[in-house]
Amino acid sequence: MTDKPEDTDQIANEITEAARVARETAERAEGTPQPGEGKKWPLTKIGIGIGSAALAAAVIYAARSRNKR
């Protein structure tokens, strides 16, 4: 068994159908974000916040050990 179209009308219908499916797929995908276009994390602000918290914890820990003497 071969999968050959029988005439030019059938070939044209298959091409038209493939084009319609491709167009519908593109229309459905319109407006959706592409991979890698997500919201960016504010890494600088997070890093400063973590660094400040670590520094504050170190100062509190150091002051705590001095008060026990």
PDB file of N, CA and C in Angstrom:
ATOM      1  N   MET A   1       0.824  -1.182   0.000  1.00  0.00           N
ATOM      2  CA  MET A   1       0.000   0.000   0.000  1.00  0.00           C
ATOM      3  C   MET A   1       0.870   1.249   0.000  1.00  0.00           C
ATOM      4  N   THR A   2       0.527   2.126  -0.839  1.00  0.00           N
ATOM      5  CA  THR A   2       1.242   3.392  -0.896  1.00  0.00           C
ATOM      6  C   THR A   2       0.330   4.503  -0.395  1.00  0.00           C
ATOM      7  N   ASP A   3       0.938   5.574   0.023  1.00  0.00           N
ATOM      8  CA  ASP A   3       0.181   6.702   0.543  1.00  0.00           C
ATOM      9  C   ASP A   3       0.261   7.866  -0.434  1.00  0.00           C
ATOM     10  N   LYS A   4      -0.015   7.609  -1.693  1.00  0.00           N
ATOM     11  CA  LYS A   4       0.064   8.646  -2.719  1.00  0.00           C
ATOM     12  C   LYS A   4      -1.319   9.247  -2.955  1.00  0.00           C
ATOM     13  N   PRO A   5      -1.381  10.572  -3.034  1.00  0.00           N
ATOM     14  CA  PRO A   5      -2.669  11.196  -3.346  1.00  0.00           C
ATOM     15  C   PRO A   5      -3.110  10.812  -4.755  1.00  0.00           C
ATOM     16  N   GLU A   6      -4.406  10.763  -4.958  1.00  0.00           N
ATOM     17  CA  GLU A   6      -4.919  10.297  -6.238  1.00  0.00           C
ATOM     18  C   GLU A   6      -4.936  11.380  -7.312  1.00  0.00           C
ATOM     19  N   ASP A   7      -5.204  12.623  -6.927  1.00  0.00           N
ATOM     20  CA  ASP A   7      -5.255  13.658  -7.949  1.00  0.00           C
ATOM     21  C   ASP A   7      -4.807  14.996  -7.360  1.00  0.00           C
ATOM     22  N   THR A   8      -4.742  16.010  -8.210  1.00  0.00           N
ATOM     23  CA  THR A   8      -4.247  17.320  -7.774  1.00  0.00           C
ATOM     24  C   THR A   8      -5.193  18.002  -6.799  1.00  0.00           C
ATOM     25  N   ASP A   9      -6.501  17.716  -6.888  1.00  0.00           N
ATOM     26  CA  ASP A   9      -7.446  18.312  -5.940  1.00  0.00           C
ATOM     27  C   ASP A   9      -7.172  17.821  -4.518  1.00  0.00           C
ATOM     28  N   GLN A  10      -6.866  16.550  -4.403  1.00  0.00           N
ATOM     29  CA  GLN A  10      -6.565  15.995  -3.088  1.00  0.00           C
ATOM     30  C   GLN A  10      -5.267  16.590  -2.537  1.00  0.00           C
ATOM     31  N   ILE A  11      -4.270  16.788  -3.389  1.00  0.00           N
ATOM     32  CA  ILE A  11      -3.005  17.418  -2.976  1.00  0.00           C
ATOM     33  C   ILE A  11      -3.273  18.841  -2.504  1.00  0.00           C
ATOM     34  N   ALA A  12      -4.073  19.584  -3.256  1.00  0.00           N
ATOM     35  CA  ALA A  12      -4.385  20.966  -2.884  1.00  0.00           C
ATOM     36  C   ALA A  12      -5.138  21.007  -1.556  1.00  0.00           C
ATOM     37  N   ASN A  13      -6.045  20.075  -1.329  1.00  0.00           N
ATOM     38  CA  ASN A  13      -6.795  20.026  -0.070  1.00  0.00           C
ATOM     39  C   ASN A  13      -5.877  19.735   1.115  1.00  0.00           C
ATOM     40  N   GLU A  14      -4.916  18.842   0.928  1.00  0.00           N
ATOM     41  CA  GLU A  14      -3.978  18.528   2.003  1.00  0.00           C
ATOM     42  C   GLU A  14      -3.104  19.734   2.332  1.00  0.00           C
ATOM     43  N   ILE A  15      -2.654  20.438   1.300  1.00  0.00           N
ATOM     44  CA  ILE A  15      -1.824  21.632   1.511  1.00  0.00           C
ATOM     45  C   ILE A  15      -2.640  22.717   2.209  1.00  0.00           C
ATOM     46  N   THR A  16      -3.871  22.917   1.762  1.00  0.00           N
ATOM     47  CA  THR A  16      -4.748  23.915   2.373  1.00  0.00           C
ATOM     48  C   THR A  16      -5.017  23.563   3.835  1.00  0.00           C
ATOM     49  N   GLU A  17      -5.267  22.319   4.123  1.00  0.00           N
ATOM     50  CA  GLU A  17      -5.512  21.870   5.498  1.00  0.00           C
ATOM     51  C   GLU A  17      -4.288  22.100   6.378  1.00  0.00           C
ATOM     52  N   ALA A  18      -3.105  21.780   5.876  1.00  0.00           N
ATOM     53  CA  ALA A  18      -1.874  21.988   6.646  1.00  0.00           C
ATOM     54  C   ALA A  18      -1.650  23.471   6.917  1.00  0.00           C
ATOM     55  N   ALA A  19      -1.920  24.311   5.941  1.00  0.00           N
ATOM     56  CA  ALA A  19      -1.764  25.755   6.130  1.00  0.00           C
ATOM     57  C   ALA A  19      -2.771  26.278   7.151  1.00  0.00           C
ATOM     58  N   ARG A  20      -4.012  25.772   7.108  1.00  0.00           N
ATOM     59  CA  ARG A  20      -5.038  26.198   8.062  1.00  0.00           C
ATOM     60  C   ARG A  20      -4.655  25.808   9.487  1.00  0.00           C
ATOM     61  N   VAL A  21      -4.163  24.588   9.656  1.00  0.00           N
ATOM     62  CA  VAL A  21      -3.746  24.117  10.975  1.00  0.00           C
ATOM     63  C   VAL A  21      -2.584  24.961  11.497  1.00  0.00           C
ATOM     64  N   ALA A  22      -1.613  25.263  10.640  1.00  0.00           N
ATOM     65  CA  ALA A  22      -0.469  26.083  11.053  1.00  0.00           C
ATOM     66  C   ALA A  22      -0.920  27.492  11.450  1.00  0.00           C
ATOM     67  N   ARG A  23      -1.840  28.068  10.701  1.00  0.00           N
ATOM     68  CA  ARG A  23      -2.339  29.412  11.009  1.00  0.00           C
ATOM     69  C   ARG A  23      -3.098  29.416  12.337  1.00  0.00           C
ATOM     70  N   GLU A  24      -3.946  28.408  12.574  1.00  0.00           N
ATOM     71  CA  GLU A  24      -4.700  28.321  13.821  1.00  0.00           C
ATOM     72  C   GLU A  24      -3.766  28.142  15.016  1.00  0.00           C
ATOM     73  N   THR A  25      -2.740  27.345  14.840  1.00  0.00           N
ATOM     74  CA  THR A  25      -1.766  27.144  15.914  1.00  0.00           C
ATOM     75  C   THR A  25      -1.044  28.447  16.239  1.00  0.00           C
ATOM     76  N   ALA A  26      -0.652  29.186  15.224  1.00  0.00           N
ATOM     77  CA  ALA A  26       0.021  30.465  15.433  1.00  0.00           C
ATOM     78  C   ALA A  26      -0.909  31.472  16.105  1.00  0.00           C
ATOM     79  N   GLU A  27      -2.182  31.466  15.744  1.00  0.00           N
ATOM     80  CA  GLU A  27      -3.139  32.385  16.370  1.00  0.00           C
ATOM     81  C   GLU A  27      -3.362  32.045  17.836  1.00  0.00           C
ATOM     82  N   ARG A  28      -3.412  30.759  18.153  1.00  0.00           N
ATOM     83  CA  ARG A  28      -3.583  30.358  19.558  1.00  0.00           C
ATOM     84  C   ARG A  28      -2.353  30.718  20.387  1.00  0.00           C
ATOM     85  N   ALA A  29      -1.188  30.645  19.794  1.00  0.00           N
ATOM     86  CA  ALA A  29       0.048  30.921  20.517  1.00  0.00           C
ATOM     87  C   ALA A  29       0.321  32.415  20.639  1.00  0.00           C
ATOM     88  N   GLU A  30      -0.402  33.227  19.904  1.00  0.00           N
ATOM     89  CA  GLU A  30      -0.179  34.672  19.920  1.00  0.00           C
ATOM     90  C   GLU A  30      -0.453  35.224  21.322  1.00  0.00           C
ATOM     91  N   GLY A  31       0.478  36.007  21.831  1.00  0.00           N
ATOM     92  CA  GLY A  31       0.306  36.629  23.137  1.00  0.00           C
ATOM     93  C   GLY A  31       0.849  35.808  24.296  1.00  0.00           C
ATOM     94  N   THR A  32       1.231  34.570  24.055  1.00  0.00           N
ATOM     95  CA  THR A  32       1.808  33.773  25.137  1.00  0.00           C
ATOM     96  C   THR A  32       3.300  34.064  25.212  1.00  0.00           C
ATOM     97  N   PRO A  33       3.844  34.115  26.413  1.00  0.00           N
ATOM     98  CA  PRO A  33       5.269  34.426  26.535  1.00  0.00           C
ATOM     99  C   PRO A  33       6.140  33.286  26.007  1.00  0.00           C
ATOM    100  N   GLN A  34       7.231  33.659  25.397  1.00  0.00           N
ATOM    101  CA  GLN A  34       8.195  32.686  24.905  1.00  0.00           C
ATOM    102  C   GLN A  34       9.054  32.217  26.083  1.00  0.00           C
ATOM    103  N   PRO A  35       9.640  31.029  26.005  1.00  0.00           N
ATOM    104  CA  PRO A  35      10.532  30.580  27.072  1.00  0.00           C
ATOM    105  C   PRO A  35      11.676  31.574  27.256  1.00  0.00           C
ATOM    106  N   GLY A  36      11.976  31.876  28.477  1.00  0.00           N
ATOM    107  CA  GLY A  36      13.049  32.824  28.774  1.00  0.00           C
ATOM    108  C   GLY A  36      12.584  34.258  28.865  1.00  0.00           C
ATOM    109  N   GLU A  37      11.312  34.521  28.610  1.00  0.00           N
ATOM    110  CA  GLU A  37      10.801  35.880  28.701  1.00  0.00           C
ATOM    111  C   GLU A  37      10.025  36.097  29.999  1.00  0.00           C
ATOM    112  N   GLY A  38      10.216  35.227  30.969  1.00  0.00           N
ATOM    113  CA  GLY A  38       9.484  35.327  32.221  1.00  0.00           C
ATOM    114  C   GLY A  38       9.930  36.526  33.043  1.00  0.00           C
ATOM    115  N   LYS A  39       9.269  36.691  34.170  1.00  0.00           N
ATOM    116  CA  LYS A  39       9.605  37.800  35.058  1.00  0.00           C
ATOM    117  C   LYS A  39      10.998  37.566  35.642  1.00  0.00           C
ATOM    118  N   LYS A  40      11.795  38.593  35.596  1.00  0.00           N
ATOM    119  CA  LYS A  40      13.153  38.485  36.125  1.00  0.00           C
ATOM    120  C   LYS A  40      13.146  38.769  37.628  1.00  0.00           C
ATOM    121  N   TRP A  41      13.892  37.995  38.366  1.00  0.00           N
ATOM    122  CA  TRP A  41      14.004  38.202  39.809  1.00  0.00           C
ATOM    123  C   TRP A  41      14.928  39.387  40.067  1.00  0.00           C
ATOM    124  N   PRO A  42      14.602  40.210  41.043  1.00  0.00           N
ATOM    125  CA  PRO A  42      15.477  41.339  41.389  1.00  0.00           C
ATOM    126  C   PRO A  42      16.640  40.849  42.257  1.00  0.00           C
ATOM    127  N   LEU A  43      17.602  40.188  41.625  1.00  0.00           N
ATOM    128  CA  LEU A  43      18.668  39.523  42.369  1.00  0.00           C
ATOM    129  C   LEU A  43      19.518  40.494  43.187  1.00  0.00           C
ATOM    130  N   THR A  44      19.714  41.698  42.709  1.00  0.00           N
ATOM    131  CA  THR A  44      20.519  42.666  43.450  1.00  0.00           C
ATOM    132  C   THR A  44      19.841  43.012  44.765  1.00  0.00           C
ATOM    133  N   LYS A  45      18.553  43.276  44.716  1.00  0.00           N
ATOM    134  CA  LYS A  45      17.822  43.625  45.944  1.00  0.00           C
ATOM    135  C   LYS A  45      17.784  42.451  46.906  1.00  0.00           C
ATOM    136  N   ILE A  46      17.601  41.249  46.375  1.00  0.00           N
ATOM    137  CA  ILE A  46      17.579  40.070  47.234  1.00  0.00           C
ATOM    138  C   ILE A  46      18.950  39.861  47.872  1.00  0.00           C
ATOM    139  N   GLY A  47      20.003  40.030  47.093  1.00  0.00           N
ATOM    140  CA  GLY A  47      21.359  39.869  47.622  1.00  0.00           C
ATOM    141  C   GLY A  47      21.674  40.874  48.709  1.00  0.00           C
ATOM    142  N   ILE A  48      21.262  42.112  48.524  1.00  0.00           N
ATOM    143  CA  ILE A  48      21.489  43.136  49.543  1.00  0.00           C
ATOM    144  C   ILE A  48      20.699  42.804  50.800  1.00  0.00           C
ATOM    145  N   GLY A  49      19.474  42.333  50.635  1.00  0.00           N
ATOM    146  CA  GLY A  49      18.639  41.971  51.782  1.00  0.00           C
ATOM    147  C   GLY A  49      19.232  40.820  52.565  1.00  0.00           C
ATOM    148  N   ILE A  50      19.716  39.800  51.865  1.00  0.00           N
ATOM    149  CA  ILE A  50      20.319  38.645  52.542  1.00  0.00           C
ATOM    150  C   ILE A  50      21.615  39.053  53.218  1.00  0.00           C
ATOM    151  N   GLY A  51      22.407  39.877  52.537  1.00  0.00           N
ATOM    152  CA  GLY A  51      23.663  40.335  53.127  1.00  0.00           C
ATOM    153  C   GLY A  51      23.423  41.176  54.373  1.00  0.00           C
ATOM    154  N   SER A  52      22.416  42.038  54.322  1.00  0.00           N
ATOM    155  CA  SER A  52      22.096  42.861  55.489  1.00  0.00           C
ATOM    156  C   SER A  52      21.625  42.003  56.646  1.00  0.00           C
ATOM    157  N   ALA A  53      20.813  41.016  56.369  1.00  0.00           N
ATOM    158  CA  ALA A  53      20.323  40.128  57.422  1.00  0.00           C
ATOM    159  C   ALA A  53      21.478  39.332  58.035  1.00  0.00           C
ATOM    160  N   ALA A  54      22.405  38.878  57.212  1.00  0.00           N
ATOM    161  CA  ALA A  54      23.549  38.133  57.729  1.00  0.00           C
ATOM    162  C   ALA A  54      24.436  39.028  58.589  1.00  0.00           C
ATOM    163  N   LEU A  55      24.638  40.263  58.153  1.00  0.00           N
ATOM    164  CA  LEU A  55      25.437  41.203  58.931  1.00  0.00           C
ATOM    165  C   LEU A  55      24.761  41.512  60.259  1.00  0.00           C
ATOM    166  N   ALA A  56      23.461  41.738  60.248  1.00  0.00           N
ATOM    167  CA  ALA A  56      22.727  42.018  61.485  1.00  0.00           C
ATOM    168  C   ALA A  56      22.794  40.824  62.432  1.00  0.00           C
ATOM    169  N   ALA A  57      22.664  39.616  61.899  1.00  0.00           N
ATOM    170  CA  ALA A  57      22.750  38.417  62.734  1.00  0.00           C
ATOM    171  C   ALA A  57      24.138  38.283  63.351  1.00  0.00           C
ATOM    172  N   ALA A  58      25.178  38.584  62.596  1.00  0.00           N
ATOM    173  CA  ALA A  58      26.538  38.505  63.126  1.00  0.00           C
ATOM    174  C   ALA A  58      26.754  39.520  64.241  1.00  0.00           C
ATOM    175  N   VAL A  59      26.236  40.728  64.082  1.00  0.00           N
ATOM    176  CA  VAL A  59      26.381  41.761  65.121  1.00  0.00           C
ATOM    177  C   VAL A  59      25.622  41.357  66.377  1.00  0.00           C
ATOM    178  N   ILE A  60      24.420  40.845  66.225  1.00  0.00           N
ATOM    179  CA  ILE A  60      23.629  40.414  67.386  1.00  0.00           C
ATOM    180  C   ILE A  60      24.327  39.261  68.097  1.00  0.00           C
ATOM    181  N   TYR A  61      24.857  38.312  67.338  1.00  0.00           N
ATOM    182  CA  TYR A  61      25.550  37.182  67.933  1.00  0.00           C
ATOM    183  C   TYR A  61      26.802  37.648  68.681  1.00  0.00           C
ATOM    184  N   ALA A  62      27.551  38.549  68.087  1.00  0.00           N
ATOM    185  CA  ALA A  62      28.760  39.043  68.740  1.00  0.00           C
ATOM    186  C   ALA A  62      28.403  39.825  70.002  1.00  0.00           C
ATOM    187  N   ALA A  63      27.368  40.626  69.982  1.00  0.00           N
ATOM    188  CA  ALA A  63      26.972  41.404  71.151  1.00  0.00           C
ATOM    189  C   ALA A  63      26.430  40.485  72.241  1.00  0.00           C
ATOM    190  N   ARG A  64      25.792  39.421  71.869  1.00  0.00           N
ATOM    191  CA  ARG A  64      25.241  38.469  72.848  1.00  0.00           C
ATOM    192  C   ARG A  64      26.351  37.800  73.644  1.00  0.00           C
ATOM    193  N   SER A  65      27.421  37.408  72.984  1.00  0.00           N
ATOM    194  CA  SER A  65      28.517  36.724  73.683  1.00  0.00           C
ATOM    195  C   SER A  65      29.272  37.704  74.588  1.00  0.00           C
ATOM    196  N   ARG A  66      29.285  38.979  74.284  1.00  0.00           N
ATOM    197  CA  ARG A  66      29.967  39.969  75.134  1.00  0.00           C
ATOM    198  C   ARG A  66      29.174  40.262  76.404  1.00  0.00           C
ATOM    199  N   ASN A  67      27.889  40.236  76.340  1.00  0.00           N
ATOM    200  CA  ASN A  67      27.043  40.566  77.498  1.00  0.00           C
ATOM    201  C   ASN A  67      27.074  39.484  78.572  1.00  0.00           C
ATOM    202  N   LYS A  68      27.444  38.278  78.262  1.00  0.00           N
ATOM    203  CA  LYS A  68      27.469  37.189  79.238  1.00  0.00           C
ATOM    204  C   LYS A  68      28.673  37.256  80.158  1.00  0.00           C
ATOM    205  N   ARG A  69      29.670  38.011  79.876  1.00  0.00           N
ATOM    206  CA  ARG A  69      30.868  38.063  80.718  1.00  0.00           C
ATOM    207  C   ARG A  69      30.678  38.848  81.947  1.00  0.00           C
TER     208      ARG A  69
END
